Protein backbone atom coordinates (compact mmCIF):
# COMPACT_ATOMS: atom_id res chain seq x y z
CA UNK A 1 24.43 74.79 64.31
CA UNK A 2 27.31 76.09 66.37
CA UNK A 3 29.87 76.86 63.77
CA UNK A 4 27.28 79.76 63.41
CA UNK A 5 28.16 81.11 67.28
CA UNK A 6 32.02 82.69 66.23
CA UNK A 7 30.27 84.67 63.81
CA UNK A 8 27.26 85.69 65.68
CA UNK A 9 29.09 86.67 68.42
CA UNK A 10 31.66 88.40 66.40
CA UNK A 11 28.73 90.47 64.29
CA UNK A 12 26.86 91.22 67.98
CA UNK A 13 30.71 92.50 69.29
CA UNK A 14 30.71 95.15 66.18
CA UNK A 15 27.07 95.87 66.97
CA UNK A 16 27.78 96.53 70.65
CA UNK A 17 30.58 98.72 69.07
CA UNK A 18 28.35 100.14 66.89
CA UNK A 19 26.02 101.27 69.48
CA UNK A 20 27.89 102.53 71.93
CA UNK A 21 30.40 104.80 69.25
CA UNK A 22 26.50 106.37 69.09
CA UNK A 23 25.62 106.76 72.36
CA UNK A 24 28.89 108.55 72.68
CA UNK A 25 29.16 110.31 69.43
CA UNK A 26 25.31 111.44 70.51
CA UNK A 27 26.77 113.33 74.27
CA UNK A 28 29.56 115.15 71.93
CA UNK A 29 27.40 118.69 72.50
CA UNK A 30 26.91 118.39 76.57
CA UNK A 31 30.67 117.46 76.71
CA UNK A 32 31.60 120.43 74.34
CA UNK A 33 29.23 122.66 76.32
CA UNK A 34 31.47 121.39 79.60
CA UNK A 35 35.41 122.25 77.65
CA UNK A 36 33.87 125.39 76.64
CA UNK A 37 32.44 126.79 79.52
CA UNK A 38 35.58 125.12 81.82
CA UNK A 39 38.62 126.36 78.95
CA UNK A 40 36.97 129.62 79.21
CA UNK A 41 39.70 130.78 82.61
CA UNK A 42 43.29 130.44 81.99
CA UNK A 43 43.87 126.71 84.00
CA UNK A 44 46.22 126.65 86.57
CA UNK A 45 49.59 125.08 87.03
CA UNK A 46 49.50 121.22 89.11
CA UNK A 47 51.86 123.60 91.24
CA UNK A 48 49.63 126.64 91.87
CA UNK A 49 47.15 125.95 95.16
CA UNK A 50 44.23 126.53 93.48
CA UNK A 51 44.71 123.91 91.12
CA UNK A 52 43.20 121.85 93.61
CA UNK A 53 39.86 124.01 93.51
CA UNK A 54 40.49 123.47 89.55
CA UNK A 55 40.29 119.90 89.41
CA UNK A 56 36.85 119.53 92.10
CA UNK A 57 35.61 122.17 89.55
CA UNK A 58 36.08 120.19 86.24
CA UNK A 59 34.86 116.79 87.91
CA UNK A 60 31.55 118.21 89.38
CA UNK A 61 30.73 119.84 85.61
CA UNK A 62 31.62 116.75 84.36
CA UNK A 63 29.57 114.79 86.33
CA UNK A 64 25.86 115.86 84.50
CA UNK A 65 27.04 114.91 81.11
CA UNK A 66 28.66 111.40 82.37
CA UNK A 67 25.87 110.31 83.94
CA UNK A 68 23.35 110.86 80.86
CA UNK A 69 25.75 108.54 78.66
CA UNK A 70 25.97 106.07 81.75
CA UNK A 71 22.33 105.85 81.77
CA UNK A 72 21.73 105.68 77.70
CA UNK A 73 25.10 103.79 77.50
CA UNK A 74 25.70 101.48 80.60
CA UNK A 75 29.32 102.53 79.97
CA UNK A 76 31.39 103.84 82.42
CA UNK A 77 33.06 107.27 81.29
CA UNK A 78 35.87 109.20 82.59
CA UNK A 79 38.04 111.55 81.19
CA UNK A 80 42.18 112.47 80.41
CA UNK A 81 42.53 115.93 80.89
CA UNK A 82 45.20 117.16 78.15
CA UNK A 83 47.72 117.75 81.73
CA UNK A 84 47.41 114.12 82.36
CA UNK A 85 46.82 114.76 85.63
CA UNK A 86 44.50 112.43 87.16
CA UNK A 87 42.11 113.18 89.54
CA UNK A 88 43.04 111.96 92.80
CA UNK A 89 45.67 113.44 93.88
CA UNK A 90 48.41 110.71 95.56
CA UNK A 91 48.58 109.22 92.00
CA UNK A 92 50.86 110.24 89.06
CA UNK A 93 50.34 110.84 85.75
CA UNK A 94 49.24 109.85 83.70
CA UNK A 95 45.70 109.33 84.76
CA UNK A 96 41.96 110.23 84.56
CA UNK A 97 40.72 113.35 85.67
CA UNK A 98 37.17 112.28 86.11
CA UNK A 99 35.96 108.39 86.30
CA UNK A 100 32.19 107.89 87.37
CA UNK A 101 33.59 104.83 88.92
CA UNK A 102 36.79 105.97 91.05
CA UNK A 103 37.31 103.40 93.22
CA UNK A 104 37.86 101.40 90.92
CA UNK A 105 40.32 100.74 89.00
CA UNK A 106 40.45 101.89 85.80
CA UNK A 107 40.12 98.96 83.45
CA UNK A 108 42.65 96.87 80.86
CA UNK A 109 43.63 99.40 78.12
CA UNK A 110 41.49 102.53 78.86
CA UNK A 111 44.29 104.55 79.55
CA UNK A 112 46.14 103.50 76.58
CA UNK A 113 43.16 103.31 74.34
CA UNK A 114 43.21 107.62 75.75
CA UNK A 115 45.86 108.44 75.23
CA UNK A 116 46.29 107.19 71.86
CA UNK A 117 42.86 109.23 70.62
CA UNK A 118 45.23 112.33 72.11
CA UNK A 119 48.07 111.30 69.77
CA UNK A 120 46.21 110.77 66.88
CA UNK A 121 43.90 114.00 67.59
CA UNK A 122 40.36 111.13 67.03
CA UNK A 123 38.42 109.01 67.66
CA UNK A 124 39.63 106.02 68.86
CA UNK A 125 37.24 102.60 69.30
CA UNK A 126 38.85 99.08 70.30
CA UNK A 127 37.09 95.47 71.56
CA UNK A 128 39.04 94.02 73.80
CA UNK A 129 38.46 90.26 75.13
CA UNK A 130 36.09 91.59 77.64
CA UNK A 131 34.65 94.83 76.25
CA UNK A 132 34.38 97.94 74.06
CA UNK A 133 36.00 101.29 74.33
CA UNK A 134 35.18 104.41 72.86
CA UNK A 135 37.86 107.39 72.89
CA UNK A 136 36.82 110.80 71.74
CA UNK A 137 39.09 114.00 72.02
CA UNK A 138 37.99 117.50 72.23
CA UNK A 139 39.46 121.05 71.26
CA UNK A 140 38.07 123.93 72.79
CA UNK A 141 39.64 127.31 70.89
CA UNK A 142 41.86 124.43 68.13
CA UNK A 143 43.90 122.88 70.71
CA UNK A 144 42.94 119.35 72.51
CA UNK A 145 41.52 120.49 75.71
CA UNK A 146 40.28 116.14 77.40
CA UNK A 147 39.46 112.46 75.74
CA UNK A 148 36.46 111.17 76.92
CA UNK A 149 36.50 107.60 76.98
CA UNK A 150 33.53 105.31 77.14
CA UNK A 151 33.79 101.97 78.61
CA UNK A 152 31.38 98.80 78.06
CA UNK A 153 31.53 95.27 78.93
CA UNK A 154 30.91 92.49 76.28
CA UNK A 155 28.54 90.26 78.94
CA UNK A 156 25.65 90.11 77.88
CA UNK A 157 27.11 89.47 74.43
CA UNK A 158 28.98 86.61 75.93
CA UNK A 159 25.74 85.36 78.34
CA UNK A 160 23.79 85.63 74.63
CA UNK A 161 25.86 83.50 73.18
CA UNK A 162 25.89 81.62 75.73
CA UNK A 163 22.25 80.78 75.60
CA UNK A 164 22.13 80.45 72.07
CA UNK A 165 25.15 77.40 72.92
CA UNK A 166 23.37 75.65 75.58
CA UNK A 167 19.54 75.39 73.74
CA UNK A 168 21.08 74.28 70.79
CA UNK A 169 23.32 71.36 72.30
CA UNK A 170 19.66 71.45 74.20
CA UNK A 171 18.25 70.87 70.59
CA UNK A 172 20.78 68.23 69.59
CA UNK A 173 20.24 66.25 72.85
CA UNK A 174 15.83 66.25 71.90
CA UNK A 175 16.58 64.97 68.59
CA UNK A 176 18.99 62.65 68.85
CA UNK A 177 16.89 61.75 71.60
CA UNK A 178 13.90 60.92 69.16
CA UNK A 179 15.71 59.45 66.75
CA UNK A 180 17.14 57.06 69.17
CA UNK A 181 13.19 56.38 70.09
CA UNK A 182 12.82 56.30 66.79
CA UNK A 183 15.20 53.65 65.95
CA UNK A 184 13.92 51.16 69.05
CA UNK A 185 10.15 51.46 67.82
CA UNK A 186 11.39 50.23 63.46
CA UNK A 187 14.17 48.17 64.70
CA UNK A 188 11.15 46.35 67.10
CA UNK A 189 8.87 46.51 64.70
CA UNK A 190 11.63 44.99 62.21
CA UNK A 191 12.70 42.11 64.47
CA UNK A 192 8.65 41.26 64.93
CA UNK A 193 8.31 41.16 61.20
CA UNK A 194 11.50 38.80 60.62
CA UNK A 195 10.80 36.59 64.08
CA UNK A 196 6.73 35.99 61.71
CA UNK A 197 9.26 34.89 58.73
CA UNK A 198 11.67 32.54 60.12
CA UNK A 199 8.95 31.12 62.08
CA UNK A 200 6.62 30.34 58.66
CA UNK A 201 9.95 29.52 56.82
CA UNK A 202 10.68 26.73 59.74
CA UNK A 203 6.78 25.56 59.34
CA UNK A 204 6.94 25.30 55.78
CA UNK A 205 10.60 23.67 56.37
CA UNK A 206 8.21 21.31 58.21
CA UNK A 207 5.49 20.53 57.09
CA UNK A 208 6.50 20.88 53.54
CA UNK A 209 4.96 23.63 50.52
């Protein structure tokens, strides 16, 4: 029975990826509306004193659709702007302009997947060892403006597989215990019968037929 666990784990991981893709796709219009609204004005240069205020507005506007996506999918949501400037002024580019878990370092592979979506200008989904990453590029006026990346840990999948493995092992131990008890009972019965046959044989030998 344990042979089925690896395929089952793979199926669960793929289902989790499909579920996150569906949630991200459902939130597309909400993010698109934000990008369309913000990109109506000209983005200031990163050396312009207005750039910090522009970043702050960007992050505030992205908070609403990001919170909705997080609530629906339990995913971490990050946004990579086309200028690759991070939201934290003390960090060097490339970096995420928005992150709903700003005080936690980005997960492994997140920036790489987001940059891949930016370069290929198409959605990218990647399953890592313990997470699924979905990156969606967004366009305004026919040009790439940002990449929204959602990351969800696969701890629930791993926990479910471990629970199934534990139950399989428990069932196997119960089965072995029952088999051992039945074997002991059968062996006791057989030994008693063999004992009676031996006694009868000895009696016939002593007394004659």
